[in-house]
Amino acid sequence: MTDCIFCKIAAGEIPSNKVYEDDRVIAFEDLNPQMPVHTLVIPKNHYSHIADGIPDDEMGYLFNAAVKVAEIKGLSESGFRLTVNTGADAQQTVHHIHIHVCGGAPMNSGSPKR
């Protein structure tokens, strides 16, 4: 996609603070981190969201890369959270699937209070 900011990052047209890259994915630091560690992992191929018919091998590769990024960022022992937002109600602001790898501090459950 020509107007997708994440496609431009993947193509090297927009600079990013890269954490990891191979021929299928790229991981870079989030510009608005919500945790001490907040890294985004994206496929180089464009898919708008998780329900966009992503092939199984691509989806598995993406999630395995997210685990690799958590290891690179030193989160293996303390724990980490992987989050995928899908659609406006879930606050997906860039419509290119991406996994948030977050950690580095204790997190709340993320569940609404009753």
N, C-alpha and C. Protein backbone atom coordinates (compact mmCIF):
# COMPACT_ATOMS: atom_id res chain seq x y z
N MET A 1 0.85 -1.19 0.00
CA MET A 1 0.00 0.00 0.00
C MET A 1 0.88 1.24 0.00
N THR A 2 0.53 2.19 -0.80
CA THR A 2 1.37 3.38 -0.95
C THR A 2 1.20 4.38 0.19
N ASP A 3 0.08 4.37 0.88
CA ASP A 3 -0.14 5.36 1.94
C ASP A 3 -0.03 4.79 3.35
N CYS A 4 0.43 3.56 3.50
CA CYS A 4 0.54 2.91 4.81
C CYS A 4 1.89 3.24 5.44
N ILE A 5 1.85 3.88 6.60
CA ILE A 5 3.09 4.27 7.28
C ILE A 5 3.94 3.05 7.65
N PHE A 6 3.31 1.94 8.04
CA PHE A 6 4.09 0.76 8.40
C PHE A 6 4.70 0.11 7.17
N CYS A 7 4.03 0.16 6.02
CA CYS A 7 4.63 -0.33 4.77
C CYS A 7 5.86 0.50 4.43
N LYS A 8 5.77 1.81 4.66
CA LYS A 8 6.91 2.69 4.39
C LYS A 8 8.07 2.42 5.34
N ILE A 9 7.76 2.11 6.60
CA ILE A 9 8.82 1.73 7.54
C ILE A 9 9.46 0.42 7.10
N ALA A 10 8.64 -0.55 6.71
CA ALA A 10 9.15 -1.86 6.28
C ALA A 10 10.03 -1.72 5.03
N ALA A 11 9.70 -0.77 4.16
CA ALA A 11 10.46 -0.56 2.93
C ALA A 11 11.69 0.32 3.15
N GLY A 12 11.87 0.84 4.36
CA GLY A 12 13.00 1.69 4.65
C GLY A 12 12.83 3.13 4.20
N GLU A 13 11.61 3.50 3.82
CA GLU A 13 11.34 4.87 3.37
C GLU A 13 11.18 5.84 4.54
N ILE A 14 10.80 5.32 5.70
CA ILE A 14 10.67 6.12 6.92
C ILE A 14 11.58 5.47 7.96
N PRO A 15 12.43 6.26 8.61
CA PRO A 15 13.33 5.67 9.61
C PRO A 15 12.58 5.21 10.86
N SER A 16 13.14 4.21 11.50
CA SER A 16 12.58 3.71 12.76
C SER A 16 13.72 3.24 13.64
N ASN A 17 13.43 3.08 14.91
CA ASN A 17 14.41 2.54 15.84
C ASN A 17 14.23 1.02 15.83
N LYS A 18 14.93 0.36 14.89
CA LYS A 18 14.77 -1.07 14.67
C LYS A 18 15.33 -1.89 15.82
N VAL A 19 14.57 -2.92 16.16
CA VAL A 19 14.99 -3.88 17.18
C VAL A 19 15.38 -5.20 16.51
N TYR A 20 14.66 -5.54 15.43
CA TYR A 20 14.88 -6.81 14.74
C TYR A 20 14.35 -6.67 13.32
N GLU A 21 15.00 -7.36 12.39
CA GLU A 21 14.50 -7.40 11.01
C GLU A 21 15.02 -8.65 10.34
N ASP A 22 14.17 -9.27 9.54
CA ASP A 22 14.58 -10.34 8.64
C ASP A 22 13.83 -10.15 7.33
N ASP A 23 13.78 -11.15 6.50
CA ASP A 23 13.15 -10.97 5.18
C ASP A 23 11.62 -10.90 5.24
N ARG A 24 11.00 -11.25 6.38
CA ARG A 24 9.54 -11.28 6.46
C ARG A 24 8.92 -10.30 7.45
N VAL A 25 9.67 -9.90 8.47
CA VAL A 25 9.13 -9.02 9.51
C VAL A 25 10.13 -7.94 9.87
N ILE A 26 9.62 -6.91 10.51
CA ILE A 26 10.48 -5.88 11.10
C ILE A 26 9.86 -5.51 12.45
N ALA A 27 10.72 -5.26 13.42
CA ALA A 27 10.28 -4.83 14.75
C ALA A 27 10.98 -3.52 15.07
N PHE A 28 10.21 -2.59 15.64
CA PHE A 28 10.75 -1.28 15.95
C PHE A 28 10.05 -0.71 17.18
N GLU A 29 10.71 0.25 17.83
CA GLU A 29 10.17 0.83 19.05
C GLU A 29 8.93 1.68 18.74
N ASP A 30 7.92 1.56 19.60
CA ASP A 30 6.71 2.36 19.49
C ASP A 30 7.06 3.82 19.79
N LEU A 31 6.50 4.74 19.00
CA LEU A 31 6.77 6.17 19.21
C LEU A 31 6.07 6.73 20.44
N ASN A 32 5.05 6.03 20.93
CA ASN A 32 4.31 6.47 22.10
C ASN A 32 4.23 5.31 23.09
N PRO A 33 5.37 4.94 23.71
CA PRO A 33 5.39 3.73 24.54
C PRO A 33 4.48 3.83 25.75
N GLN A 34 3.81 2.71 26.03
CA GLN A 34 2.92 2.61 27.18
C GLN A 34 3.55 1.83 28.33
N MET A 35 4.71 1.26 28.08
CA MET A 35 5.46 0.47 29.07
C MET A 35 6.94 0.77 28.87
N PRO A 36 7.81 0.39 29.83
CA PRO A 36 9.24 0.58 29.62
C PRO A 36 9.74 -0.10 28.34
N VAL A 37 9.19 -1.26 28.01
CA VAL A 37 9.46 -1.91 26.73
C VAL A 37 8.15 -1.90 25.96
N HIS A 38 8.17 -1.31 24.78
CA HIS A 38 6.97 -1.28 23.91
C HIS A 38 7.47 -1.27 22.47
N THR A 39 7.50 -2.46 21.90
CA THR A 39 8.03 -2.67 20.56
C THR A 39 6.93 -3.21 19.67
N LEU A 40 6.90 -2.75 18.42
CA LEU A 40 5.91 -3.22 17.45
C LEU A 40 6.56 -4.20 16.49
N VAL A 41 5.85 -5.27 16.18
CA VAL A 41 6.33 -6.26 15.22
C VAL A 41 5.31 -6.31 14.09
N ILE A 42 5.78 -6.12 12.84
CA ILE A 42 4.88 -6.10 11.70
C ILE A 42 5.40 -7.04 10.61
N PRO A 43 4.49 -7.61 9.82
CA PRO A 43 4.95 -8.32 8.63
C PRO A 43 5.30 -7.30 7.55
N LYS A 44 6.22 -7.64 6.69
CA LYS A 44 6.55 -6.74 5.58
C LYS A 44 5.45 -6.73 4.53
N ASN A 45 4.70 -7.81 4.45
CA ASN A 45 3.51 -7.82 3.57
C ASN A 45 2.39 -7.08 4.27
N HIS A 46 1.59 -6.37 3.51
CA HIS A 46 0.50 -5.59 4.10
C HIS A 46 -0.74 -6.45 4.31
N TYR A 47 -1.23 -6.43 5.55
CA TYR A 47 -2.53 -6.96 5.93
C TYR A 47 -3.13 -5.90 6.84
N SER A 48 -4.38 -5.55 6.62
CA SER A 48 -4.98 -4.47 7.40
C SER A 48 -5.14 -4.82 8.87
N HIS A 49 -5.53 -6.06 9.16
CA HIS A 49 -5.79 -6.47 10.53
C HIS A 49 -5.74 -7.99 10.63
N ILE A 50 -5.90 -8.50 11.83
CA ILE A 50 -5.73 -9.93 12.08
C ILE A 50 -6.78 -10.79 11.36
N ALA A 51 -7.91 -10.20 11.01
CA ALA A 51 -8.98 -10.94 10.33
C ALA A 51 -8.95 -10.70 8.82
N ASP A 52 -7.77 -10.36 8.29
CA ASP A 52 -7.63 -10.00 6.88
C ASP A 52 -7.17 -11.17 6.01
N GLY A 53 -7.44 -12.40 6.44
CA GLY A 53 -7.09 -13.57 5.64
C GLY A 53 -5.59 -13.83 5.57
N ILE A 54 -4.91 -13.59 6.66
CA ILE A 54 -3.46 -13.81 6.71
C ILE A 54 -3.18 -15.32 6.65
N PRO A 55 -2.30 -15.76 5.74
CA PRO A 55 -1.98 -17.20 5.68
C PRO A 55 -1.42 -17.70 7.01
N ASP A 56 -1.74 -18.96 7.33
CA ASP A 56 -1.32 -19.54 8.60
C ASP A 56 0.19 -19.43 8.82
N ASP A 57 0.98 -19.71 7.79
CA ASP A 57 2.43 -19.66 7.97
C ASP A 57 2.90 -18.24 8.25
N GLU A 58 2.26 -17.26 7.66
CA GLU A 58 2.62 -15.85 7.91
C GLU A 58 2.25 -15.45 9.34
N MET A 59 1.06 -15.87 9.78
CA MET A 59 0.62 -15.54 11.13
C MET A 59 1.53 -16.18 12.18
N GLY A 60 1.83 -17.45 11.98
CA GLY A 60 2.74 -18.13 12.91
C GLY A 60 4.11 -17.50 12.94
N TYR A 61 4.61 -17.13 11.79
CA TYR A 61 5.92 -16.49 11.70
C TYR A 61 5.92 -15.16 12.45
N LEU A 62 4.85 -14.39 12.28
CA LEU A 62 4.71 -13.09 12.94
C LEU A 62 4.75 -13.24 14.46
N PHE A 63 3.98 -14.19 14.98
CA PHE A 63 3.94 -14.39 16.44
C PHE A 63 5.25 -14.97 16.96
N ASN A 64 5.89 -15.85 16.20
CA ASN A 64 7.20 -16.35 16.63
C ASN A 64 8.23 -15.23 16.64
N ALA A 65 8.14 -14.31 15.69
CA ALA A 65 9.04 -13.15 15.68
C ALA A 65 8.79 -12.27 16.90
N ALA A 66 7.54 -12.14 17.31
CA ALA A 66 7.22 -11.34 18.50
C ALA A 66 7.86 -11.95 19.74
N VAL A 67 7.86 -13.26 19.86
CA VAL A 67 8.52 -13.93 20.98
C VAL A 67 10.03 -13.70 20.92
N LYS A 68 10.60 -13.75 19.72
CA LYS A 68 12.03 -13.48 19.55
C LYS A 68 12.36 -12.05 20.00
N VAL A 69 11.50 -11.11 19.66
CA VAL A 69 11.71 -9.72 20.07
C VAL A 69 11.64 -9.60 21.59
N ALA A 70 10.69 -10.29 22.22
CA ALA A 70 10.62 -10.27 23.69
C ALA A 70 11.92 -10.79 24.29
N GLU A 71 12.50 -11.82 23.70
CA GLU A 71 13.79 -12.34 24.18
C GLU A 71 14.89 -11.30 23.99
N ILE A 72 14.94 -10.67 22.81
CA ILE A 72 15.94 -9.64 22.53
C ILE A 72 15.84 -8.51 23.55
N LYS A 73 14.63 -8.15 23.92
CA LYS A 73 14.40 -7.04 24.84
C LYS A 73 14.55 -7.45 26.31
N GLY A 74 14.90 -8.71 26.56
CA GLY A 74 15.18 -9.16 27.92
C GLY A 74 13.94 -9.46 28.75
N LEU A 75 12.84 -9.80 28.10
CA LEU A 75 11.58 -10.02 28.82
C LEU A 75 11.27 -11.49 29.10
N SER A 76 12.13 -12.39 28.70
CA SER A 76 11.83 -13.82 28.83
C SER A 76 11.58 -14.25 30.26
N GLU A 77 12.36 -13.76 31.19
CA GLU A 77 12.24 -14.17 32.59
C GLU A 77 11.10 -13.45 33.31
N SER A 78 10.97 -12.16 33.09
CA SER A 78 9.99 -11.36 33.84
C SER A 78 8.58 -11.44 33.28
N GLY A 79 8.47 -11.76 32.01
CA GLY A 79 7.17 -11.85 31.36
C GLY A 79 6.89 -10.68 30.44
N PHE A 80 5.92 -10.87 29.57
CA PHE A 80 5.57 -9.85 28.60
C PHE A 80 4.15 -10.07 28.13
N ARG A 81 3.61 -9.07 27.47
CA ARG A 81 2.27 -9.14 26.91
C ARG A 81 2.35 -8.87 25.41
N LEU A 82 1.65 -9.72 24.64
CA LEU A 82 1.49 -9.49 23.20
C LEU A 82 0.06 -9.05 22.97
N THR A 83 -0.11 -7.93 22.26
CA THR A 83 -1.44 -7.39 22.02
C THR A 83 -1.60 -7.08 20.54
N VAL A 84 -2.77 -7.44 20.00
CA VAL A 84 -3.13 -7.09 18.63
C VAL A 84 -4.47 -6.38 18.69
N ASN A 85 -4.50 -5.12 18.31
CA ASN A 85 -5.74 -4.35 18.26
C ASN A 85 -6.33 -4.49 16.86
N THR A 86 -7.64 -4.69 16.80
CA THR A 86 -8.30 -4.88 15.51
C THR A 86 -9.53 -3.99 15.43
N GLY A 87 -9.46 -2.98 14.59
CA GLY A 87 -10.60 -2.10 14.37
C GLY A 87 -10.61 -0.89 15.28
N ALA A 88 -11.48 0.05 14.93
CA ALA A 88 -11.57 1.33 15.63
C ALA A 88 -11.94 1.18 17.11
N ASP A 89 -12.89 0.30 17.43
CA ASP A 89 -13.29 0.13 18.82
C ASP A 89 -12.16 -0.42 19.69
N ALA A 90 -11.21 -1.12 19.07
CA ALA A 90 -10.06 -1.64 19.80
C ALA A 90 -8.87 -0.68 19.73
N GLN A 91 -9.10 0.50 19.19
CA GLN A 91 -8.10 1.56 19.07
C GLN A 91 -6.94 1.20 18.14
N GLN A 92 -7.25 0.45 17.06
CA GLN A 92 -6.24 0.22 16.03
C GLN A 92 -6.13 1.52 15.22
N THR A 93 -4.99 2.17 15.32
CA THR A 93 -4.83 3.46 14.64
C THR A 93 -4.08 3.35 13.32
N VAL A 94 -3.24 2.33 13.18
CA VAL A 94 -2.57 2.07 11.91
C VAL A 94 -3.12 0.75 11.38
N HIS A 95 -3.69 0.80 10.22
CA HIS A 95 -4.37 -0.38 9.66
C HIS A 95 -3.41 -1.24 8.84
N HIS A 96 -2.43 -1.74 9.54
CA HIS A 96 -1.45 -2.73 9.08
C HIS A 96 -1.23 -3.58 10.32
N ILE A 97 -1.54 -4.87 10.24
CA ILE A 97 -1.44 -5.69 11.45
C ILE A 97 -0.10 -5.49 12.13
N HIS A 98 -0.16 -5.36 13.44
CA HIS A 98 1.06 -5.23 14.23
C HIS A 98 0.81 -5.80 15.61
N ILE A 99 1.86 -6.38 16.15
CA ILE A 99 1.82 -6.93 17.50
C ILE A 99 2.60 -6.00 18.41
N HIS A 100 1.96 -5.60 19.51
CA HIS A 100 2.64 -4.83 20.54
C HIS A 100 3.30 -5.82 21.48
N VAL A 101 4.61 -5.70 21.66
CA VAL A 101 5.35 -6.49 22.65
C VAL A 101 5.65 -5.53 23.80
N CYS A 102 5.00 -5.78 24.93
CA CYS A 102 5.11 -4.85 26.07
C CYS A 102 5.60 -5.57 27.32
N GLY A 103 6.37 -4.87 28.12
CA GLY A 103 6.84 -5.43 29.38
C GLY A 103 7.81 -4.48 30.05
N GLY A 104 8.55 -5.03 30.99
CA GLY A 104 9.53 -4.24 31.71
C GLY A 104 9.04 -3.67 33.03
N ALA A 105 7.77 -3.93 33.35
CA ALA A 105 7.18 -3.48 34.62
C ALA A 105 5.91 -4.28 34.84
N PRO A 106 5.45 -4.40 36.11
CA PRO A 106 4.21 -5.11 36.37
C PRO A 106 3.03 -4.43 35.64
N MET A 107 2.12 -5.25 35.15
CA MET A 107 0.93 -4.76 34.44
C MET A 107 -0.31 -5.13 35.21
N ASN A 108 -1.36 -4.34 35.01
CA ASN A 108 -2.65 -4.76 35.56
C ASN A 108 -3.27 -5.79 34.62
N SER A 109 -4.38 -6.35 35.00
CA SER A 109 -4.98 -7.41 34.20
C SER A 109 -5.56 -6.91 32.89
N GLY A 110 -5.83 -5.63 32.80
CA GLY A 110 -6.45 -5.09 31.60
C GLY A 110 -7.94 -5.34 31.53
N SER A 111 -8.47 -6.00 32.55
CA SER A 111 -9.89 -6.30 32.59
C SER A 111 -10.65 -5.13 33.20
N PRO A 112 -11.84 -4.85 32.70
CA PRO A 112 -12.62 -3.76 33.29
C PRO A 112 -13.02 -4.10 34.72
N LYS A 113 -13.07 -3.07 35.55
CA LYS A 113 -13.49 -3.28 36.95
C LYS A 113 -14.99 -3.49 36.99
N ARG A 114 -15.42 -4.32 37.92
CA ARG A 114 -16.87 -4.59 38.05
C ARG A 114 -17.42 -3.85 39.23
